[in-house]
Amino acid sequence: MSDYSTISVPRRVKEALEKDKGDRDWGEYLLKLYEEAKERRRAKAFRELKKLLTSEDLDKVLKESRKFREGFKFR
């Protein structure tokens, strides 16, 4: 069995992506796109959460997180 897969996309999508990917292979290029999108979603979620929470809320979260990690043990 091959380690490769085929993904069907509209021709205009492939042409736009090919221009952007340049000399990189498809796997490297698509993985980079995925990682960038994931990082942007995280950053956006963090900014939105930051707007909702006060500094006291953030301090409480930090303290509870530390408390949890200190008390967490594998069986």
Protein backbone atom coordinates (compact mmCIF):
# COMPACT_ATOMS: atom_id res chain seq x y z
CA MET A 1 0.00 0.00 0.00
CA SER A 2 1.25 3.50 -0.87
CA ASP A 3 1.97 6.26 1.62
CA TYR A 4 0.32 8.74 -0.74
CA SER A 5 -3.28 9.72 -1.31
CA THR A 6 -5.12 11.68 -3.98
CA ILE A 7 -7.43 14.56 -3.13
CA SER A 8 -9.81 15.88 -5.78
CA VAL A 9 -10.25 19.65 -5.79
CA PRO A 10 -11.66 22.05 -8.34
CA ARG A 11 -9.11 23.03 -10.98
CA ARG A 12 -9.21 26.73 -10.01
CA VAL A 13 -8.35 25.82 -6.40
CA LYS A 14 -5.40 23.69 -7.48
CA GLU A 15 -4.13 26.42 -9.79
CA ALA A 16 -4.26 29.03 -7.02
CA LEU A 17 -2.49 26.70 -4.58
CA GLU A 18 0.17 25.73 -7.13
CA LYS A 19 1.10 29.39 -7.63
CA ASP A 20 1.51 29.86 -3.89
CA LYS A 21 3.37 26.62 -3.16
CA GLY A 22 6.21 27.37 -5.56
CA ASP A 23 8.97 24.72 -5.47
CA ARG A 24 7.79 23.00 -2.30
CA ASP A 25 6.23 19.56 -2.56
CA TRP A 26 2.52 19.25 -1.86
CA GLY A 27 2.89 17.48 1.47
CA GLU A 28 5.24 20.12 2.88
CA TYR A 29 3.09 22.95 1.53
CA LEU A 30 -0.25 21.63 2.78
CA LEU A 31 1.16 20.80 6.20
CA LYS A 32 2.48 24.37 6.51
CA LEU A 33 -0.94 25.77 5.54
CA TYR A 34 -2.59 23.53 8.14
CA GLU A 35 -0.15 24.55 10.88
CA GLU A 36 -0.56 28.25 10.08
CA ALA A 37 -4.36 27.97 10.15
CA LYS A 38 -4.27 26.08 13.44
CA GLU A 39 -1.98 28.70 15.02
CA ARG A 40 -4.24 31.54 13.84
CA ARG A 41 -7.31 29.82 15.33
CA ARG A 42 -5.47 29.42 18.66
CA ALA A 43 -4.35 33.05 18.66
CA LYS A 44 -7.87 34.25 17.83
CA ALA A 45 -9.38 32.11 20.60
CA PHE A 46 -6.78 33.43 23.06
CA ARG A 47 -7.52 37.06 22.11
CA GLU A 48 -11.27 36.48 22.53
CA LEU A 49 -10.78 34.76 25.87
CA LYS A 50 -8.49 37.56 27.03
CA LYS A 51 -11.27 40.07 26.31
CA LEU A 52 -13.69 38.11 28.51
CA LEU A 53 -11.46 37.48 31.52
CA THR A 54 -10.16 39.90 34.13
CA SER A 55 -6.62 39.69 35.46
CA GLU A 56 -8.05 38.08 38.62
CA ASP A 57 -9.73 35.41 36.49
CA LEU A 58 -6.45 34.71 34.70
CA ASP A 59 -4.60 34.46 38.03
CA LYS A 60 -7.18 31.96 39.31
CA VAL A 61 -6.86 29.85 36.16
CA LEU A 62 -3.07 29.85 36.50
CA LYS A 63 -3.23 28.84 40.19
CA GLU A 64 -5.75 26.07 39.54
CA SER A 65 -3.71 24.79 36.61
CA ARG A 66 -0.58 24.58 38.77
CA LYS A 67 -2.56 22.90 41.55
CA PHE A 68 -3.93 20.33 39.11
CA ARG A 69 -0.49 19.53 37.66
CA GLU A 70 1.04 19.15 41.13
CA GLY A 71 -1.72 16.74 42.18
CA PHE A 72 -1.82 14.79 38.94
CA LYS A 73 -0.06 11.43 39.03
CA PHE A 74 -0.08 8.44 36.71
CA ARG A 75 -1.29 5.20 38.21
